[in-house]
N, C-alpha and C. Protein backbone atom coordinates (compact mmCIF):
# COMPACT_ATOMS: atom_id res chain seq x y z
N MET A 1 43.75 -32.35 -38.23
CA MET A 1 44.46 -33.65 -39.67
C MET A 1 45.37 -32.80 -40.30
N PRO A 2 46.46 -32.68 -40.62
CA PRO A 2 47.28 -32.25 -41.45
C PRO A 2 46.48 -32.00 -42.70
N ARG A 3 47.10 -31.16 -43.30
CA ARG A 3 46.58 -30.67 -44.99
C ARG A 3 46.98 -31.75 -45.76
N THR A 4 45.98 -32.04 -46.67
CA THR A 4 46.08 -33.46 -47.39
C THR A 4 46.97 -32.71 -49.04
N THR A 5 47.57 -33.19 -49.62
CA THR A 5 48.67 -33.25 -50.37
C THR A 5 47.40 -34.56 -52.09
N SER A 6 47.67 -34.26 -53.11
CA SER A 6 47.32 -35.07 -54.46
C SER A 6 48.39 -36.10 -54.30
N ASN A 7 49.24 -35.60 -54.08
CA ASN A 7 50.57 -36.75 -54.23
C ASN A 7 51.44 -36.75 -53.16
N PRO A 8 50.97 -37.61 -52.07
CA PRO A 8 51.89 -37.60 -50.95
C PRO A 8 53.16 -38.00 -51.46
N GLY A 9 53.91 -37.92 -50.65
CA GLY A 9 55.49 -38.97 -50.45
C GLY A 9 55.49 -40.29 -50.08
N PRO A 10 56.42 -41.25 -49.60
CA PRO A 10 56.51 -42.44 -49.43
C PRO A 10 55.91 -42.60 -48.22
N THR A 11 56.59 -41.52 -47.02
CA THR A 11 56.14 -41.75 -45.46
C THR A 11 54.48 -41.08 -45.55
N ALA A 12 53.85 -40.42 -45.81
CA ALA A 12 52.83 -39.61 -46.33
C ALA A 12 51.55 -40.76 -46.75
N ARG A 13 52.06 -42.22 -47.52
CA ARG A 13 51.46 -43.11 -47.88
C ARG A 13 51.78 -44.04 -47.02
N HIS A 14 52.28 -44.03 -46.46
CA HIS A 14 52.64 -45.41 -45.57
C HIS A 14 51.83 -45.22 -44.57
N TYR A 15 51.96 -44.02 -43.86
CA TYR A 15 51.09 -43.56 -42.66
C TYR A 15 48.94 -43.59 -42.71
N ARG A 16 49.34 -42.88 -44.16
CA ARG A 16 47.57 -42.88 -44.51
C ARG A 16 46.87 -44.49 -44.70
N LYS A 17 47.92 -45.10 -45.13
CA LYS A 17 47.12 -46.89 -45.21
C LYS A 17 47.17 -47.65 -44.20
N ASN A 18 48.12 -47.38 -43.25
CA ASN A 18 48.56 -47.88 -41.30
C ASN A 18 48.23 -47.24 -40.64
N ALA A 19 46.94 -47.42 -40.28
CA ALA A 19 46.25 -46.80 -39.06
C ALA A 19 46.99 -47.06 -37.91
N ALA A 20 47.24 -48.32 -37.74
CA ALA A 20 48.20 -48.58 -36.25
C ALA A 20 49.72 -47.82 -36.41
N SER A 21 50.07 -47.84 -37.31
CA SER A 21 51.59 -47.05 -37.37
C SER A 21 51.17 -45.75 -37.50
N ARG A 22 50.26 -44.95 -37.86
CA ARG A 22 49.82 -43.68 -38.10
C ARG A 22 49.62 -43.29 -36.08
N LYS A 23 48.63 -43.93 -35.99
CA LYS A 23 48.41 -43.93 -34.31
C LYS A 23 49.89 -43.86 -33.42
N LYS A 24 51.04 -44.67 -33.16
CA LYS A 24 52.12 -45.04 -32.82
C LYS A 24 52.52 -43.67 -33.32
N HIS A 25 52.80 -43.38 -34.72
CA HIS A 25 53.77 -42.11 -35.17
C HIS A 25 53.37 -40.71 -34.08
N VAL A 26 51.92 -40.48 -33.98
CA VAL A 26 51.47 -39.23 -33.75
C VAL A 26 51.29 -40.06 -32.03
N ALA A 27 51.48 -41.05 -31.34
CA ALA A 27 52.07 -40.87 -29.89
C ALA A 27 53.10 -40.24 -29.69
N ASP A 28 54.37 -40.85 -30.34
CA ASP A 28 55.58 -41.00 -30.17
C ASP A 28 56.15 -39.20 -30.37
N ASN A 29 55.64 -38.68 -31.71
CA ASN A 29 55.42 -37.38 -31.87
C ASN A 29 54.83 -35.70 -31.37
N SER A 30 53.91 -36.99 -30.05
CA SER A 30 53.25 -36.04 -29.70
C SER A 30 53.93 -35.40 -28.37
N PRO A 31 53.89 -34.29 -27.57
CA PRO A 31 54.68 -33.33 -26.25
C PRO A 31 53.93 -33.97 -25.29
N GLY A 32 55.01 -34.39 -24.30
CA GLY A 32 54.63 -35.04 -23.28
C GLY A 32 56.21 -36.12 -23.00
N GLY A 33 56.14 -36.25 -21.47
CA GLY A 33 57.46 -37.18 -21.13
C GLY A 33 57.02 -38.67 -21.23
N LYS A 34 57.85 -39.44 -21.40
CA LYS A 34 58.19 -40.92 -21.58
C LYS A 34 56.99 -41.74 -20.63
N TYR A 35 57.38 -41.11 -19.31
CA TYR A 35 56.96 -41.79 -17.73
C TYR A 35 55.74 -40.53 -17.10
N ALA A 36 54.68 -40.85 -17.03
CA ALA A 36 53.65 -39.75 -16.00
C ALA A 36 53.66 -40.07 -14.39
N HIS A 37 54.68 -39.58 -13.68
CA HIS A 37 54.96 -39.67 -12.11
C HIS A 37 54.19 -38.70 -11.44
N SER A 38 53.74 -39.76 -10.39
CA SER A 38 52.85 -39.09 -9.72
C SER A 38 53.74 -38.35 -8.24
N LYS A 39 52.80 -36.79 -8.03
CA LYS A 39 53.76 -35.60 -7.23
C LYS A 39 54.11 -36.54 -5.92
N GLU A 40 53.52 -37.93 -5.49
CA GLU A 40 54.32 -38.44 -4.30
C GLU A 40 55.33 -38.71 -4.70
N TYR A 41 55.50 -39.53 -6.06
CA TYR A 41 56.71 -40.52 -6.46
C TYR A 41 57.95 -39.30 -7.03
N LYS A 42 57.29 -38.11 -7.32
CA LYS A 42 58.77 -37.40 -7.51
C LYS A 42 59.00 -36.43 -6.16
N ARG A 43 58.22 -35.94 -5.34
CA ARG A 43 58.61 -35.74 -4.07
C ARG A 43 59.35 -36.95 -2.94
N LYS A 44 59.03 -38.10 -2.98
CA LYS A 44 59.82 -38.77 -2.59
C LYS A 44 61.12 -39.04 -2.80
N HIS A 45 61.22 -38.40 -3.88
CA HIS A 45 62.83 -38.69 -4.90
C HIS A 45 63.54 -37.88 -4.48
N ALA A 46 62.84 -36.58 -4.55
CA ALA A 46 63.32 -35.91 -4.66
C ALA A 46 64.08 -35.25 -3.01
N GLU A 47 63.20 -35.92 -2.07
CA GLU A 47 63.80 -35.95 -0.89
C GLU A 47 64.81 -36.73 -0.88
N ALA A 48 64.60 -38.02 -1.68
CA ALA A 48 66.03 -38.73 -1.21
C ALA A 48 67.57 -38.14 -2.22
N ARG A 49 67.23 -37.41 -3.07
CA ARG A 49 68.25 -36.71 -3.75
C ARG A 49 68.91 -35.95 -2.55
N ALA A 50 67.68 -34.53 -1.90
CA ALA A 50 68.80 -34.42 -1.05
C ALA A 50 68.99 -34.68 -0.07
N SER A 51 68.54 -35.83 0.79
CA SER A 51 69.35 -36.55 1.67
C SER A 51 70.67 -37.03 1.28
N LEU A 52 70.83 -37.47 -0.07
CA LEU A 52 72.10 -38.19 -0.54
C LEU A 52 73.02 -36.90 -1.01
N LYS A 53 72.34 -35.71 -0.73
CA LYS A 53 73.31 -34.29 -1.27
C LYS A 53 74.17 -34.84 -2.67
N ILE A 54 72.82 -35.38 -3.53
CA ILE A 54 73.27 -35.01 -5.10
C ILE A 54 72.76 -33.44 -5.38
N PRO A 55 73.54 -32.88 -6.23
CA PRO A 55 73.17 -32.19 -6.87
C PRO A 55 72.73 -31.80 -7.79
N LYS A 56 71.79 -30.58 -8.16
CA LYS A 56 70.94 -30.69 -9.79
C LYS A 56 71.58 -30.65 -10.68
N GLY A 57 71.38 -31.45 -11.71
CA GLY A 57 72.28 -31.84 -13.05
C GLY A 57 73.33 -32.56 -12.68
N SER A 58 73.10 -33.38 -11.63
CA SER A 58 74.24 -34.56 -11.63
C SER A 58 74.18 -35.69 -12.56
N LYS A 59 75.40 -36.47 -12.48
CA LYS A 59 75.25 -37.63 -13.59
C LYS A 59 75.21 -38.64 -12.58
N ILE A 60 74.69 -38.46 -11.15
CA ILE A 60 74.47 -39.47 -9.96
C ILE A 60 72.81 -39.53 -10.11
N ASP A 61 72.51 -40.90 -10.18
CA ASP A 61 71.07 -41.29 -9.68
C ASP A 61 71.14 -41.38 -8.30
N ALA A 62 69.87 -41.00 -7.63
CA ALA A 62 69.23 -41.43 -6.41
C ALA A 62 68.66 -42.95 -6.54
N SER A 63 69.22 -44.11 -6.42
CA SER A 63 68.48 -45.43 -7.07
C SER A 63 67.77 -46.32 -6.15
N LYS A 64 66.84 -46.28 -6.40
CA LYS A 64 65.65 -47.32 -5.33
C LYS A 64 66.43 -48.47 -4.87
N GLN A 65 66.39 -49.13 -4.12
CA GLN A 65 67.02 -50.20 -3.61
C GLN A 65 65.63 -51.41 -2.95
N SER A 66 66.22 -52.55 -3.48
CA SER A 66 64.61 -53.78 -3.32
C SER A 66 64.56 -53.54 -1.94
N ASP A 67 64.88 -52.67 -0.70
CA ASP A 67 64.40 -52.68 0.58
C ASP A 67 63.69 -51.57 1.19
N GLY A 68 63.85 -50.69 -0.35
CA GLY A 68 63.17 -49.48 -0.46
C GLY A 68 64.03 -48.05 -0.08
N SER A 69 65.46 -48.43 0.47
CA SER A 69 66.11 -47.19 0.53
C SER A 69 66.70 -46.57 -0.73
N TYR A 70 67.42 -45.89 -0.68
CA TYR A 70 68.06 -45.11 -1.98
C TYR A 70 69.61 -45.13 -2.02
N LYS A 71 70.30 -45.29 -2.85
CA LYS A 71 71.78 -45.07 -2.80
C LYS A 71 71.99 -44.30 -4.06
N LYS A 72 73.16 -43.87 -3.97
CA LYS A 72 73.93 -43.03 -4.97
C LYS A 72 74.48 -44.02 -6.06
N GLU A 73 74.17 -43.46 -7.20
CA GLU A 73 74.70 -44.51 -8.36
C GLU A 73 74.63 -43.74 -9.30
N HIS A 74 75.91 -44.25 -10.55
CA HIS A 74 75.53 -43.55 -12.07
C HIS A 74 74.86 -43.79 -12.82
N GLN A 75 74.17 -43.10 -13.30
CA GLN A 75 72.87 -43.09 -13.88
C GLN A 75 73.54 -44.29 -15.47
N LYS A 76 74.94 -44.12 -15.91
CA LYS A 76 74.83 -45.00 -17.18
C LYS A 76 74.38 -46.66 -16.15
N SER A 77 74.99 -46.96 -15.19
CA SER A 77 75.07 -48.36 -14.52
C SER A 77 73.55 -48.66 -14.07
N ASN A 78 73.06 -47.50 -13.77
CA ASN A 78 71.12 -47.56 -13.35
C ASN A 78 70.28 -47.52 -13.74
N ARG A 79 70.47 -47.10 -15.10
CA ARG A 79 69.44 -46.88 -16.10
C ARG A 79 69.82 -48.11 -17.25
N GLY A 80 71.07 -48.29 -17.24
CA GLY A 80 71.80 -49.31 -18.28
C GLY A 80 71.00 -50.68 -17.76
N ARG A 81 71.19 -50.75 -16.32
CA ARG A 81 70.32 -52.09 -16.48
C ARG A 81 68.84 -52.09 -15.90
N GLY A 82 67.94 -51.36 -16.07
CA GLY A 82 66.81 -50.70 -16.06
C GLY A 82 66.45 -50.65 -14.69
N GLY A 83 67.70 -50.45 -13.71
CA GLY A 83 66.95 -49.60 -12.35
C GLY A 83 66.15 -50.83 -11.94
N ALA A 84 65.08 -50.00 -11.57
CA ALA A 84 63.78 -51.07 -10.74
C ALA A 84 63.25 -52.13 -11.44
N LYS A 85 63.51 -52.15 -12.69
CA LYS A 85 62.10 -52.81 -13.25
C LYS A 85 62.85 -54.16 -13.49
N LYS A 86 64.11 -54.41 -13.48
CA LYS A 86 64.66 -55.64 -13.47
C LYS A 86 64.50 -56.11 -12.76
N ARG A 87 64.59 -55.62 -11.25
CA ARG A 87 64.46 -56.48 -9.80
C ARG A 87 63.52 -57.78 -9.75
C-alpha cells in the first residue's frame, strides 16, 4: 500500500472510502494486457497473418470469419465492429 498522508487530496479520499472503486482502479492501472490469449491462439493467428502476407506493424488485421477462415481487413472496421464478439 502506498504511503499515507494526514491530509489526502480528493482522489485519495475517494479511493480510501470506496473499496470497489479502489479495486477497479488498481486493476486498471496494473501492468498487463487487456486480454490473455493462449499460446495456441497466438500461434494460429500468427500463421494466418503469415499466410495472408500481412507485414509486421501493418494496419491490416487477420480477421477471423464465422466459417473459421481468416481474411485481410482494416483494423478500423474489424475492431470498430467488435470483430468476433458481435457475430
